[in-house]
């Protein structure tokens, strides 16, 4: 019994850390001389909103230049996973990709949203009461995911890349 309680406590700690991170962001200001100033901003926007708007995010200095060139019609990202804790985990992934400069605004708001919609539909159908993505049996979930994609008309394929051997002759 104590092992299970310890596991639940660890999970709560994990999700509490995600909540704390989503309640702040690091603002980066690049000055004319090339120097960078960082400032941690206390703002729960990313935590409390399940719909993120590009106009709001575009006001953050990190994204102002990208936002000034953003011409896409897509203005919102919707996080709609039924499980609040899994929804939190997925928001955390989007947040990190944006703030670590791994995704641009266009990637987050256009390129990745169809994947998010599919993943959300899959999780809501197959795992509506899942507490954490960490609780998934990966091999089983991957098979279910591939089958679900196929059932829903999403083309999937396996690719193998053949790399020719180097011939030193």
N, C-alpha and C. Protein backbone atom coordinates (compact mmCIF):
# COMPACT_ATOMS: atom_id res chain seq x y z
N UNK A 1 0.82 -1.20 0.00
CA UNK A 1 0.00 0.00 0.00
C UNK A 1 0.86 1.25 0.00
N UNK A 2 1.92 1.27 0.79
CA UNK A 2 2.76 2.47 0.87
C UNK A 2 3.48 2.74 -0.45
N UNK A 3 3.77 1.71 -1.23
CA UNK A 3 4.42 1.91 -2.53
C UNK A 3 3.49 2.67 -3.46
N UNK A 4 2.24 2.27 -3.52
CA UNK A 4 1.28 2.95 -4.39
C UNK A 4 1.09 4.40 -3.94
N UNK A 5 1.00 4.64 -2.66
CA UNK A 5 0.84 6.01 -2.17
C UNK A 5 2.06 6.85 -2.54
N UNK A 6 3.23 6.26 -2.45
CA UNK A 6 4.46 6.97 -2.82
C UNK A 6 4.40 7.34 -4.31
N UNK A 7 3.94 6.41 -5.15
CA UNK A 7 3.82 6.65 -6.59
C UNK A 7 2.87 7.82 -6.86
N UNK A 8 1.73 7.83 -6.19
CA UNK A 8 0.76 8.91 -6.37
C UNK A 8 1.38 10.24 -5.92
N UNK A 9 2.09 10.23 -4.82
CA UNK A 9 2.75 11.45 -4.34
C UNK A 9 3.74 11.96 -5.38
N UNK A 10 4.54 11.04 -5.98
CA UNK A 10 5.49 11.43 -7.01
C UNK A 10 4.78 12.07 -8.19
N UNK A 11 3.65 11.49 -8.59
CA UNK A 11 2.89 12.04 -9.72
C UNK A 11 2.38 13.44 -9.41
N UNK A 12 1.87 13.63 -8.19
CA UNK A 12 1.39 14.96 -7.82
C UNK A 12 2.53 15.96 -7.86
N UNK A 13 3.70 15.55 -7.38
CA UNK A 13 4.85 16.43 -7.42
C UNK A 13 5.23 16.79 -8.85
N UNK A 14 5.17 15.82 -9.73
CA UNK A 14 5.48 16.04 -11.14
C UNK A 14 4.52 17.06 -11.75
N UNK A 15 3.23 16.87 -11.55
CA UNK A 15 2.25 17.79 -12.13
C UNK A 15 2.30 19.17 -11.47
N UNK A 16 2.61 19.20 -10.19
CA UNK A 16 2.78 20.51 -9.53
C UNK A 16 3.94 21.28 -10.13
N UNK A 17 5.02 20.56 -10.47
CA UNK A 17 6.17 21.23 -11.11
C UNK A 17 5.78 21.77 -12.48
N UNK A 18 5.00 21.01 -13.23
CA UNK A 18 4.53 21.49 -14.53
C UNK A 18 3.68 22.75 -14.36
N UNK A 19 2.80 22.72 -13.35
CA UNK A 19 1.96 23.89 -13.08
C UNK A 19 2.80 25.11 -12.75
N UNK A 20 3.84 24.91 -11.95
CA UNK A 20 4.71 26.03 -11.59
C UNK A 20 5.40 26.60 -12.83
N UNK A 21 5.92 25.72 -13.68
CA UNK A 21 6.61 26.21 -14.89
C UNK A 21 5.66 26.92 -15.83
N UNK A 22 4.45 26.39 -15.99
CA UNK A 22 3.48 27.02 -16.88
C UNK A 22 2.93 28.33 -16.32
N UNK A 23 3.23 28.63 -15.06
CA UNK A 23 2.80 29.88 -14.43
C UNK A 23 3.81 31.01 -14.62
N UNK A 24 4.92 30.70 -15.26
CA UNK A 24 5.95 31.71 -15.53
C UNK A 24 6.48 31.50 -16.94
N UNK A 25 7.19 32.47 -17.42
CA UNK A 25 7.99 32.27 -18.63
C UNK A 25 9.19 33.20 -18.56
N UNK A 26 10.22 32.82 -19.29
CA UNK A 26 11.42 33.65 -19.33
C UNK A 26 11.36 34.52 -20.57
N UNK A 27 11.32 35.80 -20.31
CA UNK A 27 11.27 36.80 -21.38
C UNK A 27 12.70 37.09 -21.81
N UNK A 28 12.96 37.03 -23.11
CA UNK A 28 14.29 37.35 -23.63
C UNK A 28 14.20 38.63 -24.43
N UNK A 29 15.03 39.59 -24.07
CA UNK A 29 15.08 40.85 -24.80
C UNK A 29 16.47 40.96 -25.40
N UNK A 30 16.52 41.04 -26.73
CA UNK A 30 17.80 41.18 -27.44
C UNK A 30 18.01 42.66 -27.73
N UNK A 31 19.11 43.18 -27.24
CA UNK A 31 19.41 44.60 -27.40
C UNK A 31 20.17 44.85 -28.70
N UNK A 32 20.23 46.11 -29.11
CA UNK A 32 20.89 46.48 -30.37
C UNK A 32 22.34 46.03 -30.41
N UNK A 33 23.01 46.03 -29.27
CA UNK A 33 24.42 45.63 -29.24
C UNK A 33 24.58 44.10 -29.24
N UNK A 34 23.47 43.36 -29.32
CA UNK A 34 23.51 41.91 -29.36
C UNK A 34 23.41 41.24 -28.01
N UNK A 35 23.48 42.02 -26.95
CA UNK A 35 23.35 41.43 -25.62
C UNK A 35 21.90 41.02 -25.36
N UNK A 36 21.74 40.06 -24.48
CA UNK A 36 20.42 39.52 -24.17
C UNK A 36 20.14 39.69 -22.69
N UNK A 37 18.97 40.21 -22.39
CA UNK A 37 18.51 40.32 -21.01
C UNK A 37 17.38 39.33 -20.82
N UNK A 38 17.42 38.57 -19.73
CA UNK A 38 16.31 37.66 -19.44
C UNK A 38 15.62 38.10 -18.16
N UNK A 39 14.33 37.85 -18.13
CA UNK A 39 13.52 38.24 -17.00
C UNK A 39 12.43 37.18 -16.82
N UNK A 40 12.31 36.62 -15.63
CA UNK A 40 11.26 35.65 -15.37
C UNK A 40 9.97 36.41 -15.06
N UNK A 41 8.95 36.14 -15.85
CA UNK A 41 7.66 36.82 -15.72
C UNK A 41 6.66 35.88 -15.06
N UNK A 42 6.05 36.33 -13.98
CA UNK A 42 4.99 35.55 -13.32
C UNK A 42 3.69 35.84 -14.06
N UNK A 43 3.22 34.85 -14.82
CA UNK A 43 2.00 35.02 -15.59
C UNK A 43 1.40 33.63 -15.82
N UNK A 44 0.21 33.36 -15.28
CA UNK A 44 -0.37 32.02 -15.39
C UNK A 44 -1.10 31.76 -16.72
N UNK A 45 -0.92 32.62 -17.72
CA UNK A 45 -1.65 32.48 -18.99
C UNK A 45 -1.59 31.05 -19.54
N UNK A 46 -0.39 30.49 -19.62
CA UNK A 46 -0.22 29.17 -20.24
C UNK A 46 -0.80 28.05 -19.39
N UNK A 47 -0.90 28.26 -18.10
CA UNK A 47 -1.47 27.27 -17.20
C UNK A 47 -2.99 27.31 -17.23
N UNK A 48 -3.58 28.47 -17.08
CA UNK A 48 -5.02 28.56 -16.85
C UNK A 48 -5.85 28.54 -18.14
N UNK A 49 -5.23 28.78 -19.28
CA UNK A 49 -5.98 28.80 -20.54
C UNK A 49 -5.77 27.52 -21.32
N UNK A 50 -6.87 26.90 -21.73
CA UNK A 50 -6.79 25.72 -22.60
C UNK A 50 -6.85 26.11 -24.07
N UNK A 51 -7.02 27.39 -24.34
CA UNK A 51 -6.90 27.93 -25.68
C UNK A 51 -5.86 29.03 -25.62
N UNK A 52 -4.80 28.87 -26.41
CA UNK A 52 -3.75 29.88 -26.47
C UNK A 52 -3.92 30.67 -27.76
N UNK A 53 -3.84 31.98 -27.66
CA UNK A 53 -4.06 32.85 -28.80
C UNK A 53 -2.74 33.47 -29.25
N UNK A 54 -2.50 33.44 -30.55
CA UNK A 54 -1.25 33.96 -31.09
C UNK A 54 -1.10 35.45 -30.84
N UNK A 55 -2.21 36.19 -30.77
CA UNK A 55 -2.13 37.63 -30.51
C UNK A 55 -1.61 37.90 -29.10
N UNK A 56 -1.96 37.04 -28.15
CA UNK A 56 -1.48 37.19 -26.77
C UNK A 56 0.00 36.81 -26.71
N UNK A 57 0.34 35.67 -27.27
CA UNK A 57 1.73 35.20 -27.23
C UNK A 57 2.64 36.15 -28.00
N UNK A 58 2.11 36.74 -29.05
CA UNK A 58 2.89 37.68 -29.86
C UNK A 58 3.31 38.94 -29.13
N UNK A 59 2.71 39.22 -27.97
CA UNK A 59 3.11 40.39 -27.19
C UNK A 59 4.34 40.11 -26.32
N UNK A 60 4.71 38.84 -26.18
CA UNK A 60 5.90 38.47 -25.40
C UNK A 60 7.13 38.81 -26.25
N UNK A 61 8.10 39.53 -25.69
CA UNK A 61 9.26 39.96 -26.48
C UNK A 61 9.93 38.84 -27.28
N UNK A 62 9.98 37.62 -26.75
CA UNK A 62 10.60 36.49 -27.44
C UNK A 62 9.99 36.27 -28.82
N UNK A 63 8.71 36.61 -28.97
CA UNK A 63 7.97 36.26 -30.18
C UNK A 63 7.55 37.47 -31.02
N UNK A 64 7.91 38.69 -30.60
CA UNK A 64 7.43 39.89 -31.29
C UNK A 64 7.84 39.91 -32.76
N UNK A 65 9.08 39.58 -33.06
CA UNK A 65 9.53 39.61 -34.46
C UNK A 65 8.79 38.56 -35.29
N UNK A 66 8.69 37.33 -34.77
CA UNK A 66 7.94 36.29 -35.47
C UNK A 66 6.49 36.72 -35.68
N UNK A 67 5.91 37.30 -34.64
CA UNK A 67 4.50 37.69 -34.70
C UNK A 67 4.29 38.77 -35.76
N UNK A 68 5.25 39.68 -35.90
CA UNK A 68 5.10 40.75 -36.90
C UNK A 68 5.08 40.18 -38.31
N UNK A 69 5.65 38.99 -38.50
CA UNK A 69 5.65 38.33 -39.81
C UNK A 69 4.63 37.20 -39.91
N UNK A 70 3.84 37.01 -38.88
CA UNK A 70 2.86 35.91 -38.85
C UNK A 70 1.66 36.28 -39.71
N UNK A 71 1.46 35.55 -40.79
CA UNK A 71 0.37 35.85 -41.73
C UNK A 71 -0.67 34.73 -41.81
N UNK A 72 -0.59 33.78 -40.91
CA UNK A 72 -1.48 32.62 -40.95
C UNK A 72 -2.87 32.97 -40.43
N UNK A 73 -3.87 32.24 -40.91
CA UNK A 73 -5.24 32.44 -40.42
C UNK A 73 -5.44 31.83 -39.05
N UNK A 74 -4.71 30.78 -38.74
CA UNK A 74 -4.85 30.10 -37.45
C UNK A 74 -4.41 31.04 -36.33
N UNK A 75 -5.30 31.27 -35.39
CA UNK A 75 -5.01 32.18 -34.28
C UNK A 75 -4.98 31.48 -32.93
N UNK A 76 -5.50 30.26 -32.85
CA UNK A 76 -5.63 29.57 -31.56
C UNK A 76 -5.09 28.16 -31.60
N UNK A 77 -4.55 27.73 -30.47
CA UNK A 77 -4.24 26.33 -30.21
C UNK A 77 -5.18 25.91 -29.09
N UNK A 78 -5.88 24.80 -29.31
CA UNK A 78 -6.82 24.32 -28.29
C UNK A 78 -6.31 23.03 -27.67
N UNK A 79 -6.24 23.02 -26.36
CA UNK A 79 -5.84 21.84 -25.60
C UNK A 79 -7.12 21.27 -24.99
N UNK A 80 -7.57 20.11 -25.51
CA UNK A 80 -8.89 19.60 -25.16
C UNK A 80 -8.88 18.15 -24.71
N UNK A 81 -7.78 17.69 -24.15
CA UNK A 81 -7.72 16.32 -23.64
C UNK A 81 -8.60 16.25 -22.40
N UNK A 82 -9.44 15.21 -22.31
CA UNK A 82 -10.39 15.07 -21.19
C UNK A 82 -9.70 15.00 -19.84
N UNK A 83 -8.58 14.31 -19.78
CA UNK A 83 -7.84 14.19 -18.52
C UNK A 83 -7.10 15.50 -18.26
N UNK A 84 -7.45 16.21 -17.19
CA UNK A 84 -6.78 17.49 -16.91
C UNK A 84 -5.27 17.36 -16.75
N UNK A 85 -4.81 16.28 -16.15
CA UNK A 85 -3.36 16.13 -15.94
C UNK A 85 -2.63 15.83 -17.25
N UNK A 86 -3.23 15.05 -18.14
CA UNK A 86 -2.62 14.79 -19.45
C UNK A 86 -2.68 16.07 -20.29
N UNK A 87 -3.77 16.80 -20.20
CA UNK A 87 -3.87 18.07 -20.91
C UNK A 87 -2.74 19.01 -20.47
N UNK A 88 -2.47 19.02 -19.17
CA UNK A 88 -1.38 19.82 -18.62
C UNK A 88 -0.04 19.39 -19.21
N UNK A 89 0.19 18.09 -19.30
CA UNK A 89 1.44 17.58 -19.84
C UNK A 89 1.62 18.00 -21.30
N UNK A 90 0.56 17.95 -22.08
CA UNK A 90 0.65 18.32 -23.49
C UNK A 90 0.87 19.83 -23.63
N UNK A 91 0.20 20.62 -22.81
CA UNK A 91 0.45 22.06 -22.82
C UNK A 91 1.92 22.34 -22.50
N UNK A 92 2.46 21.59 -21.57
CA UNK A 92 3.86 21.77 -21.18
C UNK A 92 4.80 21.50 -22.36
N UNK A 93 4.49 20.49 -23.17
CA UNK A 93 5.31 20.20 -24.35
C UNK A 93 5.28 21.40 -25.30
N UNK A 94 4.08 21.91 -25.59
CA UNK A 94 3.95 23.07 -26.51
C UNK A 94 4.71 24.28 -25.95
N UNK A 95 4.53 24.52 -24.68
CA UNK A 95 5.19 25.64 -24.00
C UNK A 95 6.71 25.53 -24.16
N UNK A 96 7.25 24.35 -23.88
CA UNK A 96 8.69 24.15 -23.98
C UNK A 96 9.21 24.29 -25.40
N UNK A 97 8.50 23.74 -26.35
CA UNK A 97 8.92 23.85 -27.75
C UNK A 97 8.98 25.32 -28.17
N UNK A 98 8.01 26.10 -27.73
CA UNK A 98 8.00 27.53 -28.06
C UNK A 98 9.13 28.28 -27.36
N UNK A 99 9.24 28.12 -26.07
CA UNK A 99 10.20 28.92 -25.30
C UNK A 99 11.64 28.44 -25.43
N UNK A 100 11.85 27.25 -25.93
CA UNK A 100 13.22 26.78 -26.20
C UNK A 100 13.59 27.02 -27.66
N UNK A 101 12.73 27.74 -28.37
CA UNK A 101 12.96 28.09 -29.78
C UNK A 101 13.08 26.87 -30.68
N UNK A 102 12.42 25.77 -30.30
CA UNK A 102 12.41 24.59 -31.15
C UNK A 102 11.30 24.69 -32.19
N UNK A 103 10.24 25.44 -31.87
CA UNK A 103 9.15 25.69 -32.81
C UNK A 103 8.97 27.19 -32.94
N UNK A 104 8.61 27.59 -34.15
CA UNK A 104 8.21 28.97 -34.38
C UNK A 104 6.72 29.09 -34.06
N UNK A 105 6.21 30.29 -34.09
CA UNK A 105 4.76 30.47 -33.92
C UNK A 105 4.01 29.72 -35.00
N UNK A 106 4.52 29.76 -36.23
CA UNK A 106 3.86 29.06 -37.34
C UNK A 106 3.87 27.55 -37.09
N UNK A 107 4.97 27.01 -36.61
CA UNK A 107 5.02 25.57 -36.30
C UNK A 107 3.98 25.22 -35.25
N UNK A 108 3.94 26.00 -34.18
CA UNK A 108 3.04 25.69 -33.06
C UNK A 108 1.58 25.88 -33.43
N UNK A 109 1.26 26.95 -34.16
CA UNK A 109 -0.13 27.29 -34.43
C UNK A 109 -0.67 26.69 -35.73
N UNK A 110 0.22 26.27 -36.62
CA UNK A 110 -0.24 25.72 -37.90
C UNK A 110 0.29 24.30 -38.10
N UNK A 111 1.60 24.14 -38.11
CA UNK A 111 2.21 22.86 -38.46
C UNK A 111 1.89 21.72 -37.52
N UNK A 112 1.79 22.01 -36.23
CA UNK A 112 1.60 20.94 -35.24
C UNK A 112 0.15 20.74 -34.81
N UNK A 113 -0.74 21.65 -35.17
CA UNK A 113 -2.11 21.57 -34.63
C UNK A 113 -2.88 20.36 -35.15
N UNK A 114 -2.64 19.94 -36.40
CA UNK A 114 -3.36 18.75 -36.87
C UNK A 114 -2.91 17.52 -36.09
N UNK A 115 -1.63 17.46 -35.73
CA UNK A 115 -1.14 16.35 -34.91
C UNK A 115 -1.77 16.41 -33.52
N UNK A 116 -1.87 17.61 -32.97
CA UNK A 116 -2.49 17.77 -31.65
C UNK A 116 -3.95 17.33 -31.68
N UNK A 117 -4.68 17.70 -32.72
CA UNK A 117 -6.10 17.29 -32.82
C UNK A 117 -6.23 15.77 -32.88
N UNK A 118 -5.37 15.13 -33.66
CA UNK A 118 -5.42 13.66 -33.75
C UNK A 118 -5.06 13.02 -32.42
N UNK A 119 -4.00 13.50 -31.81
CA UNK A 119 -3.58 12.95 -30.52
C UNK A 119 -4.66 13.14 -29.47
N UNK A 120 -5.28 14.30 -29.46
CA UNK A 120 -6.37 14.59 -28.51
C UNK A 120 -7.53 13.63 -28.72
N UNK A 121 -7.94 13.46 -29.97
CA UNK A 121 -9.06 12.55 -30.27
C UNK A 121 -8.72 11.12 -29.83
N UNK A 122 -7.50 10.69 -30.12
CA UNK A 122 -7.06 9.34 -29.72
C UNK A 122 -7.09 9.18 -28.21
N UNK A 123 -6.47 10.10 -27.50
CA UNK A 123 -6.42 10.00 -26.04
C UNK A 123 -7.81 10.07 -25.42
N UNK A 124 -8.67 10.93 -25.94
CA UNK A 124 -10.03 11.05 -25.40
C UNK A 124 -10.85 9.79 -25.65
N UNK A 125 -10.60 9.13 -26.77
CA UNK A 125 -11.34 7.90 -27.09
C UNK A 125 -10.77 6.69 -26.35
N UNK A 126 -9.47 6.53 -26.37
CA UNK A 126 -8.85 5.31 -25.84
C UNK A 126 -8.42 5.41 -24.37
N UNK A 127 -8.10 6.61 -23.92
CA UNK A 127 -7.57 6.78 -22.55
C UNK A 127 -8.19 8.00 -21.86
N UNK A 128 -9.51 8.07 -21.78
CA UNK A 128 -10.14 9.28 -21.23
C UNK A 128 -9.83 9.55 -19.76
N UNK A 129 -9.47 8.51 -19.01
CA UNK A 129 -9.20 8.72 -17.58
C UNK A 129 -7.72 8.52 -17.24
N UNK A 130 -6.85 8.56 -18.23
CA UNK A 130 -5.42 8.41 -18.01
C UNK A 130 -4.91 9.53 -17.11
N UNK A 131 -4.13 9.17 -16.11
CA UNK A 131 -3.60 10.18 -15.18
C UNK A 131 -2.38 10.89 -15.76
N UNK A 132 -1.53 10.13 -16.46
CA UNK A 132 -0.30 10.71 -17.00
C UNK A 132 0.14 9.93 -18.22
N UNK A 133 0.73 10.63 -19.17
CA UNK A 133 1.31 9.95 -20.33
C UNK A 133 2.40 8.97 -19.88
N UNK A 134 3.00 9.24 -18.75
CA UNK A 134 4.04 8.36 -18.21
C UNK A 134 3.48 7.00 -17.79
N UNK A 135 2.16 6.90 -17.62
CA UNK A 135 1.53 5.65 -17.22
C UNK A 135 1.24 4.73 -18.41
N UNK A 136 1.42 5.21 -19.62
CA UNK A 136 1.14 4.39 -20.80
C UNK A 136 2.17 3.28 -20.95
N UNK A 137 1.69 2.12 -21.39
CA UNK A 137 2.60 1.06 -21.84
C UNK A 137 2.93 1.43 -23.28
N UNK A 138 4.13 1.89 -23.51
CA UNK A 138 4.49 2.52 -24.77
C UNK A 138 4.24 1.61 -25.98
N UNK A 139 4.71 0.37 -25.94
CA UNK A 139 4.55 -0.51 -27.10
C UNK A 139 3.08 -0.73 -27.42
N UNK A 140 2.28 -0.98 -26.38
CA UNK A 140 0.85 -1.19 -26.57
C UNK A 140 0.18 0.08 -27.11
N UNK A 141 0.50 1.21 -26.52
CA UNK A 141 -0.10 2.47 -26.94
C UNK A 141 0.30 2.81 -28.37
N UNK A 142 1.55 2.51 -28.73
CA UNK A 142 2.00 2.79 -30.10
C UNK A 142 1.23 1.94 -31.11
N UNK A 143 0.99 0.67 -30.80
CA UNK A 143 0.20 -0.19 -31.69
C UNK A 143 -1.23 0.34 -31.81
N UNK A 144 -1.82 0.71 -30.66
CA UNK A 144 -3.19 1.26 -30.68
C UNK A 144 -3.24 2.55 -31.49
N UNK A 145 -2.23 3.39 -31.33
CA UNK A 145 -2.15 4.67 -32.05
C UNK A 145 -2.09 4.43 -33.56
N UNK A 146 -1.23 3.52 -34.00
CA UNK A 146 -1.11 3.23 -35.43
C UNK A 146 -2.43 2.66 -35.97
N UNK A 147 -3.05 1.75 -35.23
CA UNK A 147 -4.33 1.18 -35.65
C UNK A 147 -5.39 2.27 -35.69
N UNK A 148 -5.43 3.13 -34.69
CA UNK A 148 -6.41 4.21 -34.61
C UNK A 148 -6.24 5.17 -35.78
N UNK A 149 -5.00 5.52 -36.09
CA UNK A 149 -4.75 6.41 -37.24
C UNK A 149 -5.27 5.77 -38.52
N UNK A 150 -4.96 4.50 -38.71
CA UNK A 150 -5.41 3.79 -39.90
C UNK A 150 -6.93 3.74 -39.97
N UNK A 151 -7.57 3.40 -38.84
CA UNK A 151 -9.04 3.35 -38.77
C UNK A 151 -9.67 4.70 -39.11
N UNK A 152 -8.97 5.77 -38.80
CA UNK A 152 -9.49 7.12 -39.02
C UNK A 152 -8.99 7.74 -40.32
N UNK A 153 -8.50 6.89 -41.22
CA UNK A 153 -8.14 7.34 -42.55
C UNK A 153 -6.84 8.13 -42.65
N UNK A 154 -6.01 8.04 -41.64
CA UNK A 154 -4.73 8.74 -41.68
C UNK A 154 -3.70 7.76 -42.21
N UNK A 155 -3.08 8.13 -43.31
CA UNK A 155 -2.10 7.25 -43.93
C UNK A 155 -0.85 7.18 -43.07
N UNK A 156 -0.42 5.97 -42.80
CA UNK A 156 0.81 5.75 -42.05
C UNK A 156 1.70 4.85 -42.88
N UNK A 157 2.97 4.99 -42.68
CA UNK A 157 3.89 4.11 -43.39
C UNK A 157 5.15 3.96 -42.56
N UNK A 158 5.79 2.84 -42.75
CA UNK A 158 7.09 2.62 -42.13
C UNK A 158 8.14 2.82 -43.21
N UNK A 159 9.17 3.51 -42.87
CA UNK A 159 10.24 3.71 -43.84
C UNK A 159 11.53 3.18 -43.28
N UNK A 160 12.32 2.62 -44.15
CA UNK A 160 13.65 2.18 -43.78
C UNK A 160 14.61 2.87 -44.72
N UNK A 161 15.64 3.43 -44.15
CA UNK A 161 16.62 4.10 -44.97
C UNK A 161 17.82 3.18 -45.12
N UNK A 162 18.17 2.93 -46.37
CA UNK A 162 19.34 2.09 -46.63
C UNK A 162 20.53 3.02 -46.82
N UNK A 163 21.54 2.82 -46.00
CA UNK A 163 22.75 3.61 -46.11
C UNK A 163 23.82 2.70 -46.70
N UNK A 164 24.27 3.02 -47.92
CA UNK A 164 25.27 2.14 -48.54
C UNK A 164 26.56 2.10 -47.72
N UNK A 165 27.18 0.94 -47.73
CA UNK A 165 28.44 0.80 -47.01
C UNK A 165 29.52 1.57 -47.74
N UNK A 166 30.41 2.12 -46.98
CA UNK A 166 31.52 2.87 -47.56
C UNK A 166 32.54 1.88 -48.11
N UNK A 167 32.86 2.02 -49.37
CA UNK A 167 33.85 1.13 -49.99
C UNK A 167 35.17 1.88 -50.08
N UNK A 168 36.17 1.41 -49.39
CA UNK A 168 37.45 2.11 -49.34
C UNK A 168 38.39 1.71 -50.48
N UNK A 169 37.93 0.89 -51.41
CA UNK A 169 38.81 0.45 -52.50
C UNK A 169 38.91 1.48 -53.57
